[in-house]
Amino acid sequence: MNTRVAFILSAFFLLLPFSGPSAAPVQAGAAQTPQKLAFHDDGQLFILEDDGTLWKTAGLPSEGARFVTAKPVRKNVKAVAAAGNLFIIDKDNILWGWGKRNRGTLFMNEYALQDIPENRPIRILTDVRTVVPDSFVVFALRNDNTLWAWGNAEDLRGDNLPGVLNRPRRLLDQVHTLINSGCHALALKKDGSLWTWGSNACGGLGDGTFLDRYRPAAIDPNHFGGKRIISLTAFKNENLVLTEDGTLWYWGKEMDMRGWCINLPVYEPRPLSKEGTGKNDLPSFTLPRGADISVLHYEDDTLYSLDTRHILYQSNPEPAEIARHVASFAVYNSRLALLKTDGSVWLEAAEDHLHPAAGRRFLPVVFLRANTTAREAPVPGSK
């Protein structure tokens, strides 16, 4: 994450309800769901089984590997998320965390003497539905749709307060989905309104300016033609939103020097051409025709989309099918992990195996259950 400079405007504030044009409400039943796969910053993949067992792999597969092994970590887990530290939600909806000191995300400071071990996680917050961390700030969405935040990056945290916040602070109400890009955040509310805050490098906040904003504010829904937002994703300073009419909207730009962005028309949401012809410095991503997309994920110039038929695609910029029968997926440094509808998990092989003729190659994850060795463990069928 880039160095952030916080402008201290107030010690306390009230979030006022958005009074602009009314947006289409979000459909019920499409709320952000508990996570089943999570990559840690060191490349370990954490996997959550339906019975609540949490597993982790030893790391990314080496060249020539035929499968990847995983060992159990904990039981009674409902969701998992990872970044610089590891977070789980248990069956009682309690959020726990463990990992490195000095991150600010586990309520420790630079003088902490030791890390939080895996076998003694700390209890953080109750009644949590999902958690969205990065290495500096963590967001937790509770079952009452309130959004809470803590950590050591004042601009991204959204409370406009200085220093490390070492306890969760309530930030927004009626939140449906939260995206944490590591530079800024987007919150989709149940009424359909979209709120942004954090770094505004290259117009990432979509408010028509390049000024950082340390408190959430709503984007004018007229930017999306009054259409309901179906899915959204962000990576660093870039954002992509899919609306109900099948239009992809884009704003922000991933550049190292803010001065280069001033003349680019990306500081407010702009529709991308459905024919895939980029114009005015907009990308030319297209989605598969006829697909009912439910999940978007954008990372390193590649747009991943999962449809309701459980088909996973990548667009760069044209769409191409990656795999079928995909229930969910995770991405780490452009490498994919897939959770299939049959419960099997697949991890993308080393880059040496990515020959254009063969496509992306995936290795099965073998779960090492009690009294079972890797040699004895059954390997799932081919992809």
Protein backbone atom coordinates (compact mmCIF):
# COMPACT_ATOMS: atom_id res chain seq x y z
CA MET A 1 0.00 0.00 0.00
CA ASN A 2 1.22 3.49 -0.84
CA THR A 3 2.14 5.93 1.93
CA ARG A 4 -0.90 7.87 2.97
CA VAL A 5 -1.11 11.38 4.39
CA ALA A 6 -4.16 12.03 6.55
CA PHE A 7 -5.67 15.51 6.87
CA ILE A 8 -7.26 15.69 10.32
CA LEU A 9 -10.52 17.57 9.87
CA SER A 10 -12.47 16.43 12.92
CA ALA A 11 -12.37 14.02 15.82
CA PHE A 12 -15.91 12.81 15.39
CA PHE A 13 -18.53 12.93 12.65
CA LEU A 14 -22.03 11.74 11.77
CA LEU A 15 -22.77 10.09 8.44
CA LEU A 16 -25.80 11.81 6.96
CA PRO A 17 -28.23 9.86 4.76
CA PHE A 18 -27.73 10.34 1.06
CA SER A 19 -30.38 12.73 -0.22
CA GLY A 20 -29.72 12.59 -3.97
CA PRO A 21 -31.80 10.76 -6.59
CA SER A 22 -33.06 7.40 -5.33
CA ALA A 23 -31.20 4.33 -6.61
CA ALA A 24 -32.72 0.95 -7.39
CA PRO A 25 -32.70 -1.28 -4.29
CA VAL A 26 -30.41 -4.28 -4.19
CA GLN A 27 -32.21 -7.59 -4.66
CA ALA A 28 -32.64 -9.65 -1.52
CA GLY A 29 -30.58 -12.81 -1.24
CA ALA A 30 -27.57 -11.47 -3.10
CA ALA A 31 -25.66 -10.20 -0.07
CA GLN A 32 -21.93 -10.73 0.33
CA THR A 33 -21.57 -14.38 1.31
CA PRO A 34 -19.04 -16.10 3.63
CA GLN A 35 -15.69 -16.82 2.01
CA LYS A 36 -14.55 -20.41 1.43
CA LEU A 37 -11.10 -19.78 -0.11
CA ALA A 38 -8.40 -17.29 0.93
CA PHE A 39 -4.78 -16.79 -0.10
CA HIS A 40 -2.38 -15.55 2.57
CA ASP A 41 0.34 -13.10 1.55
CA ASP A 42 2.91 -15.92 1.76
CA GLY A 43 1.08 -18.00 -0.87
CA GLN A 44 -0.64 -20.41 1.49
CA LEU A 45 -4.18 -21.29 0.45
CA PHE A 46 -6.79 -21.62 3.21
CA ILE A 47 -9.79 -23.80 2.36
CA LEU A 48 -13.06 -24.10 4.24
CA GLU A 49 -15.06 -27.33 3.93
CA ASP A 50 -18.83 -27.49 4.35
CA ASP A 51 -18.41 -29.30 7.69
CA GLY A 52 -16.57 -26.27 9.10
CA THR A 53 -13.04 -27.68 8.90
CA LEU A 54 -10.40 -25.13 7.88
CA TRP A 55 -7.41 -26.42 5.89
CA LYS A 56 -4.21 -24.84 4.63
CA THR A 57 -1.71 -25.82 1.98
CA ALA A 58 2.05 -25.70 2.41
CA GLY A 59 2.30 -23.05 -0.30
CA LEU A 60 2.17 -22.77 -4.05
CA PRO A 61 2.91 -25.96 -6.03
CA SER A 62 6.41 -26.43 -7.39
CA GLU A 63 7.22 -27.26 -10.98
CA GLY A 64 6.42 -30.87 -11.79
CA ALA A 65 4.00 -31.35 -8.90
CA ARG A 66 1.00 -33.64 -9.53
CA PHE A 67 -1.09 -32.48 -6.57
CA VAL A 68 -1.00 -30.17 -3.55
CA THR A 69 -1.50 -31.33 0.04
CA ALA A 70 -3.47 -29.55 2.76
CA LYS A 71 -3.64 -30.13 6.49
CA PRO A 72 -6.41 -29.19 8.96
CA VAL A 73 -6.07 -26.02 11.02
CA ARG A 74 -9.33 -25.51 12.94
CA LYS A 75 -12.91 -26.72 13.20
CA ASN A 76 -16.28 -25.00 13.48
CA VAL A 77 -15.32 -22.26 11.01
CA LYS A 78 -17.91 -20.43 8.92
CA ALA A 79 -15.76 -18.08 6.78
CA VAL A 80 -12.08 -17.30 6.16
CA ALA A 81 -10.20 -14.27 4.85
CA ALA A 82 -6.51 -13.43 4.68
CA ALA A 83 -4.05 -10.70 3.79
CA GLY A 84 -1.13 -9.80 6.05
CA ASN A 85 -2.97 -11.67 8.80
CA LEU A 86 -5.56 -14.46 8.92
CA PHE A 87 -9.17 -13.97 9.99
CA ILE A 88 -11.94 -16.51 10.57
CA ILE A 89 -15.61 -16.33 11.50
CA ASP A 90 -16.75 -19.25 13.62
CA LYS A 91 -20.12 -21.00 13.72
CA ASP A 92 -21.26 -18.55 16.41
CA ASN A 93 -20.50 -15.59 14.08
CA ILE A 94 -17.51 -14.51 16.19
CA LEU A 95 -14.55 -12.99 14.33
CA TRP A 96 -11.06 -14.19 15.33
CA GLY A 97 -7.59 -13.32 14.01
CA TRP A 98 -3.96 -14.36 14.20
CA GLY A 99 -0.69 -13.50 12.52
CA LYS A 100 2.02 -10.83 12.49
CA ARG A 101 2.52 -7.94 14.86
CA ASN A 102 3.11 -4.37 13.58
CA ARG A 103 0.20 -4.63 11.14
CA GLY A 104 -2.33 -2.68 13.14
CA THR A 105 -5.03 -5.15 12.15
CA LEU A 106 -4.70 -7.32 15.28
CA PHE A 107 -4.77 -4.46 17.80
CA MET A 108 -1.00 -4.53 18.27
CA ASN A 109 1.58 -1.77 17.78
CA GLU A 110 5.24 -1.58 16.86
CA TYR A 111 6.19 -2.44 20.45
CA ALA A 112 4.34 -5.77 20.46
CA LEU A 113 6.71 -8.49 21.58
CA GLN A 114 5.28 -11.45 19.72
CA ASP A 115 2.94 -12.53 16.95
CA ILE A 116 -0.52 -13.97 17.60
CA PRO A 117 -0.15 -17.76 17.13
CA GLU A 118 -2.49 -19.88 15.07
CA ASN A 119 -3.51 -21.99 18.06
CA ARG A 120 -4.39 -18.94 20.21
CA PRO A 121 -6.24 -16.44 18.00
CA ILE A 122 -7.64 -13.26 19.48
CA ARG A 123 -11.37 -12.57 19.64
CA ILE A 124 -12.28 -9.40 17.72
CA LEU A 125 -16.00 -8.88 17.10
CA THR A 126 -19.34 -10.71 17.45
CA ASP A 127 -22.26 -11.18 15.05
CA VAL A 128 -20.03 -10.97 11.94
CA ARG A 129 -21.16 -12.13 8.50
CA THR A 130 -18.06 -11.41 6.43
CA VAL A 131 -14.61 -9.85 6.84
CA VAL A 132 -12.62 -8.01 4.16
CA PRO A 133 -8.98 -7.38 5.17
CA ASP A 134 -5.85 -6.03 3.60
CA SER A 135 -2.45 -5.64 5.26
CA PHE A 136 -3.34 -2.31 6.90
CA VAL A 137 -7.12 -2.05 7.36
CA VAL A 138 -9.85 -4.60 8.09
CA PHE A 139 -13.57 -4.21 7.40
CA ALA A 140 -16.18 -6.42 9.05
CA LEU A 141 -19.79 -6.62 7.92
CA ARG A 142 -22.13 -7.70 10.72
CA ASN A 143 -25.43 -9.52 10.38
CA ASP A 144 -27.34 -6.30 11.02
CA ASN A 145 -25.63 -4.86 7.89
CA THR A 146 -23.48 -2.42 9.86
CA LEU A 147 -19.91 -1.94 8.60
CA TRP A 148 -17.03 -1.77 11.08
CA ALA A 149 -13.36 -0.87 10.46
CA TRP A 150 -9.99 -0.79 12.23
CA GLY A 151 -6.26 -0.70 11.40
CA ASN A 152 -3.44 1.75 10.77
CA ALA A 153 -4.24 3.50 7.47
CA GLU A 154 -6.27 6.60 8.30
CA ASP A 155 -7.49 7.39 4.79
CA LEU A 156 -8.77 3.89 3.95
CA ARG A 157 -10.27 3.30 7.40
CA GLY A 158 -13.02 5.85 6.74
CA ASP A 159 -13.26 7.46 10.20
CA ASN A 160 -11.01 10.51 9.59
CA LEU A 161 -9.16 9.90 12.88
CA PRO A 162 -5.36 9.92 13.33
CA GLY A 163 -3.10 7.01 14.17
CA VAL A 164 -3.81 3.33 14.66
CA LEU A 165 -7.38 2.39 15.49
CA ASN A 166 -6.98 -0.70 17.66
CA ARG A 167 -10.64 -1.58 18.09
CA PRO A 168 -13.54 -1.88 15.61
CA ARG A 169 -15.43 1.34 14.97
CA ARG A 170 -18.87 1.48 13.39
CA LEU A 171 -18.65 3.16 10.00
CA LEU A 172 -21.82 2.70 7.90
CA ASP A 173 -25.30 1.19 8.15
CA GLN A 174 -27.32 -0.92 5.71
CA VAL A 175 -24.25 -2.17 3.82
CA HIS A 176 -24.83 -5.01 1.37
CA THR A 177 -21.35 -5.56 -0.14
CA LEU A 178 -17.89 -4.16 0.67
CA ILE A 179 -14.84 -4.01 -1.63
CA ASN A 180 -11.37 -3.22 -0.24
CA SER A 181 -8.89 -2.41 -3.01
CA GLY A 182 -6.04 -1.70 -0.60
CA CYS A 183 -6.13 1.96 -1.69
CA HIS A 184 -9.81 2.82 -1.37
CA ALA A 185 -13.09 1.14 -0.44
CA LEU A 186 -16.52 0.77 -2.03
CA ALA A 187 -19.69 -0.02 -0.08
CA LEU A 188 -22.87 -1.00 -1.87
CA LYS A 189 -25.85 -0.29 0.37
CA LYS A 190 -29.13 -2.19 0.46
CA ASP A 191 -30.91 0.78 -1.15
CA GLY A 192 -28.61 0.45 -4.18
CA SER A 193 -26.45 3.50 -3.43
CA LEU A 194 -22.66 3.17 -3.85
CA TRP A 195 -20.32 4.83 -1.33
CA THR A 196 -16.55 5.34 -1.70
CA TRP A 197 -13.66 6.66 0.40
CA GLY A 198 -9.87 6.51 0.70
CA SER A 199 -7.14 7.35 -1.78
CA ASN A 200 -8.41 9.16 -4.86
CA ALA A 201 -5.28 8.69 -6.99
CA CYS A 202 -6.31 8.83 -10.66
CA GLY A 203 -9.96 9.36 -9.73
CA GLY A 204 -10.47 6.04 -7.97
CA LEU A 205 -13.33 7.38 -5.83
CA GLY A 206 -15.45 8.24 -8.86
CA ASP A 207 -16.58 11.60 -7.47
CA GLY A 208 -15.24 13.78 -10.29
CA THR A 209 -12.15 14.92 -8.36
CA PHE A 210 -8.64 13.73 -7.55
CA LEU A 211 -8.89 14.67 -3.87
CA ASP A 212 -8.50 11.95 -1.24
CA ARG A 213 -11.53 11.58 1.02
CA TYR A 214 -11.35 10.08 4.48
CA ARG A 215 -15.08 9.67 5.10
CA PRO A 216 -17.61 7.69 3.03
CA ALA A 217 -19.75 9.60 0.52
CA ALA A 218 -22.25 8.38 -2.06
CA ILE A 219 -21.63 8.43 -5.80
CA ASP A 220 -24.42 10.07 -7.80
CA PRO A 221 -26.58 7.13 -9.02
CA ASN A 222 -27.21 9.02 -12.27
CA HIS A 223 -23.68 7.95 -13.23
CA PHE A 224 -25.06 4.44 -13.75
CA GLY A 225 -28.14 5.50 -15.71
CA GLY A 226 -30.40 4.68 -12.79
CA LYS A 227 -29.67 0.97 -13.22
CA ARG A 228 -29.26 -1.43 -10.30
CA ILE A 229 -25.70 -2.61 -9.57
CA ILE A 230 -25.31 -6.38 -9.89
CA SER A 231 -21.63 -6.83 -9.03
CA LEU A 232 -18.55 -4.70 -8.40
CA THR A 233 -14.80 -5.09 -8.05
CA ALA A 234 -11.72 -2.91 -7.60
CA PHE A 235 -7.95 -3.28 -7.84
CA LYS A 236 -5.69 -0.51 -6.54
CA ASN A 237 -7.11 2.66 -8.16
CA GLU A 238 -9.33 0.98 -10.77
CA ASN A 239 -13.00 0.05 -10.44
CA LEU A 240 -15.46 -2.04 -12.46
CA VAL A 241 -19.22 -2.19 -11.86
CA LEU A 242 -21.79 -4.36 -13.64
CA THR A 243 -25.36 -3.04 -13.82
CA GLU A 244 -28.56 -4.97 -14.45
CA ASP A 245 -28.66 -4.07 -18.15
CA GLY A 246 -25.32 -5.85 -18.72
CA THR A 247 -23.23 -2.66 -18.91
CA LEU A 248 -19.73 -2.58 -17.45
CA TRP A 249 -18.75 0.75 -15.92
CA TYR A 250 -15.14 1.78 -15.31
CA TRP A 251 -13.33 4.55 -13.49
CA GLY A 252 -9.92 5.20 -11.97
CA LYS A 253 -6.58 4.38 -13.52
CA GLU A 254 -3.61 2.41 -12.23
CA MET A 255 -0.67 4.81 -12.60
CA ASP A 256 2.27 5.65 -10.37
CA MET A 257 2.23 9.41 -10.99
CA ARG A 258 -0.99 11.26 -10.25
CA GLY A 259 -0.10 14.07 -12.68
CA TRP A 260 -0.41 11.66 -15.59
CA CYS A 261 -4.07 11.09 -14.76
CA ILE A 262 -5.35 14.66 -14.82
CA ASN A 263 -6.42 14.69 -18.47
CA LEU A 264 -7.88 11.17 -18.53
CA PRO A 265 -11.70 10.88 -18.41
CA VAL A 266 -11.73 8.24 -15.67
CA TYR A 267 -12.55 10.22 -12.53
CA GLU A 268 -16.26 9.34 -12.88
CA PRO A 269 -17.92 6.05 -13.94
CA ARG A 270 -17.92 5.58 -17.72
CA PRO A 271 -19.66 2.77 -19.64
CA LEU A 272 -17.43 0.37 -21.55
CA SER A 273 -18.38 -0.52 -25.09
CA LYS A 274 -20.11 -3.90 -25.30
CA GLU A 275 -18.31 -4.44 -28.60
CA GLY A 276 -14.97 -4.29 -26.82
CA THR A 277 -13.52 -1.26 -28.60
CA GLY A 278 -11.89 0.95 -26.02
CA LYS A 279 -12.01 4.70 -26.51
CA ASN A 280 -10.82 7.76 -24.64
CA ASP A 281 -8.24 5.68 -22.77
CA LEU A 282 -10.92 3.31 -21.42
CA PRO A 283 -10.18 -0.43 -21.39
CA SER A 284 -12.06 -2.76 -23.73
CA PHE A 285 -13.13 -5.58 -21.39
CA THR A 286 -16.13 -7.58 -22.56
CA LEU A 287 -18.14 -10.25 -20.78
CA PRO A 288 -19.28 -13.54 -22.34
CA ARG A 289 -22.47 -13.16 -24.34
CA GLY A 290 -25.57 -14.68 -22.80
CA ALA A 291 -23.90 -15.29 -19.42
CA ASP A 292 -25.71 -14.27 -16.24
CA ILE A 293 -22.74 -12.95 -14.26
CA SER A 294 -22.92 -13.13 -10.46
CA VAL A 295 -19.32 -12.40 -9.38
CA LEU A 296 -16.63 -10.06 -10.75
CA HIS A 297 -12.98 -9.95 -9.71
CA TYR A 298 -10.42 -7.60 -11.27
CA GLU A 299 -6.68 -7.95 -10.81
CA ASP A 300 -3.55 -7.11 -12.85
CA ASP A 301 -5.40 -6.15 -16.07
CA THR A 302 -7.51 -9.32 -16.03
CA LEU A 303 -11.24 -9.43 -15.31
CA TYR A 304 -12.56 -12.71 -13.88
CA SER A 305 -16.30 -13.40 -14.00
CA LEU A 306 -18.35 -16.28 -12.60
CA ASP A 307 -21.84 -16.87 -13.97
CA THR A 308 -24.89 -18.50 -12.40
CA ARG A 309 -24.15 -21.72 -14.34
CA HIS A 310 -20.86 -22.00 -12.39
CA ILE A 311 -18.67 -21.22 -15.43
CA LEU A 312 -15.56 -19.11 -14.74
CA TYR A 313 -14.23 -16.77 -17.44
CA GLN A 314 -11.31 -14.40 -17.80
CA SER A 315 -11.40 -11.29 -19.98
CA ASN A 316 -8.13 -9.77 -21.15
CA PRO A 317 -9.81 -8.11 -22.94
CA GLU A 318 -11.92 -10.76 -24.75
CA PRO A 319 -13.68 -13.39 -22.60
CA ALA A 320 -12.36 -16.95 -22.49
CA GLU A 321 -13.67 -19.87 -20.46
CA ILE A 322 -11.34 -21.11 -17.71
CA ALA A 323 -13.30 -23.85 -15.94
CA ARG A 324 -16.76 -25.26 -15.32
CA HIS A 325 -18.55 -26.37 -12.15
CA VAL A 326 -16.89 -23.56 -10.15
CA ALA A 327 -18.60 -22.65 -6.89
CA SER A 328 -16.07 -19.95 -5.90
CA PHE A 329 -12.50 -18.88 -6.64
CA ALA A 330 -9.59 -16.87 -5.27
CA VAL A 331 -6.68 -15.12 -6.98
CA TYR A 332 -3.09 -14.65 -5.78
CA ASN A 333 -0.53 -12.93 -8.02
CA SER A 334 -2.61 -13.93 -11.07
CA ARG A 335 -2.73 -17.57 -9.93
CA LEU A 336 -6.15 -19.12 -9.37
CA ALA A 337 -7.64 -21.47 -6.80
CA LEU A 338 -10.99 -23.08 -7.62
CA LEU A 339 -13.61 -24.59 -5.35
CA LYS A 340 -15.78 -26.87 -7.49
CA THR A 341 -19.45 -27.65 -6.95
CA ASP A 342 -18.49 -31.23 -5.97
CA GLY A 343 -16.35 -29.90 -3.09
CA SER A 344 -12.97 -30.55 -4.73
CA VAL A 345 -10.33 -27.79 -4.73
CA TRP A 346 -7.85 -27.06 -7.52
CA LEU A 347 -4.77 -24.86 -7.46
CA GLU A 348 -3.18 -23.43 -10.58
CA ALA A 349 0.14 -25.01 -11.54
CA ALA A 350 3.44 -23.17 -11.85
CA GLU A 351 3.69 -20.61 -14.65
CA ASP A 352 6.00 -22.95 -16.58
CA HIS A 353 2.95 -25.11 -17.30
CA LEU A 354 0.89 -22.30 -18.81
CA HIS A 355 1.47 -23.15 -22.45
CA PRO A 356 -0.94 -21.31 -24.77
CA ALA A 357 -2.03 -24.53 -26.49
CA ALA A 358 -2.87 -26.29 -23.22
CA GLY A 359 -4.51 -23.36 -21.41
CA ARG A 360 -4.39 -22.91 -17.67
CA ARG A 361 -3.45 -26.10 -15.80
CA PHE A 362 -4.81 -26.94 -12.33
CA LEU A 363 -3.61 -29.43 -9.71
CA PRO A 364 -5.95 -31.16 -7.24
CA VAL A 365 -5.64 -30.36 -3.55
CA VAL A 366 -5.43 -33.53 -1.44
CA PHE A 367 -6.73 -33.21 2.12
CA LEU A 368 -4.54 -35.14 4.55
CA ARG A 369 -7.05 -36.60 6.96
CA ALA A 370 -6.19 -38.46 10.15
CA ASN A 371 -3.85 -41.43 9.66
CA THR A 372 -3.55 -40.74 5.91
CA THR A 373 -0.36 -39.95 4.02
CA ALA A 374 -0.16 -37.99 0.79
CA ARG A 375 0.77 -41.18 -1.07
CA GLU A 376 -2.32 -42.98 0.26
CA ALA A 377 -4.78 -40.11 -0.15
CA PRO A 378 -7.21 -40.30 -3.07
CA VAL A 379 -6.67 -37.70 -5.75
CA PRO A 380 -9.84 -36.17 -7.24
CA GLY A 381 -10.64 -36.76 -10.87
CA SER A 382 -9.35 -34.50 -13.61
CA LYS A 383 -10.68 -31.00 -14.13
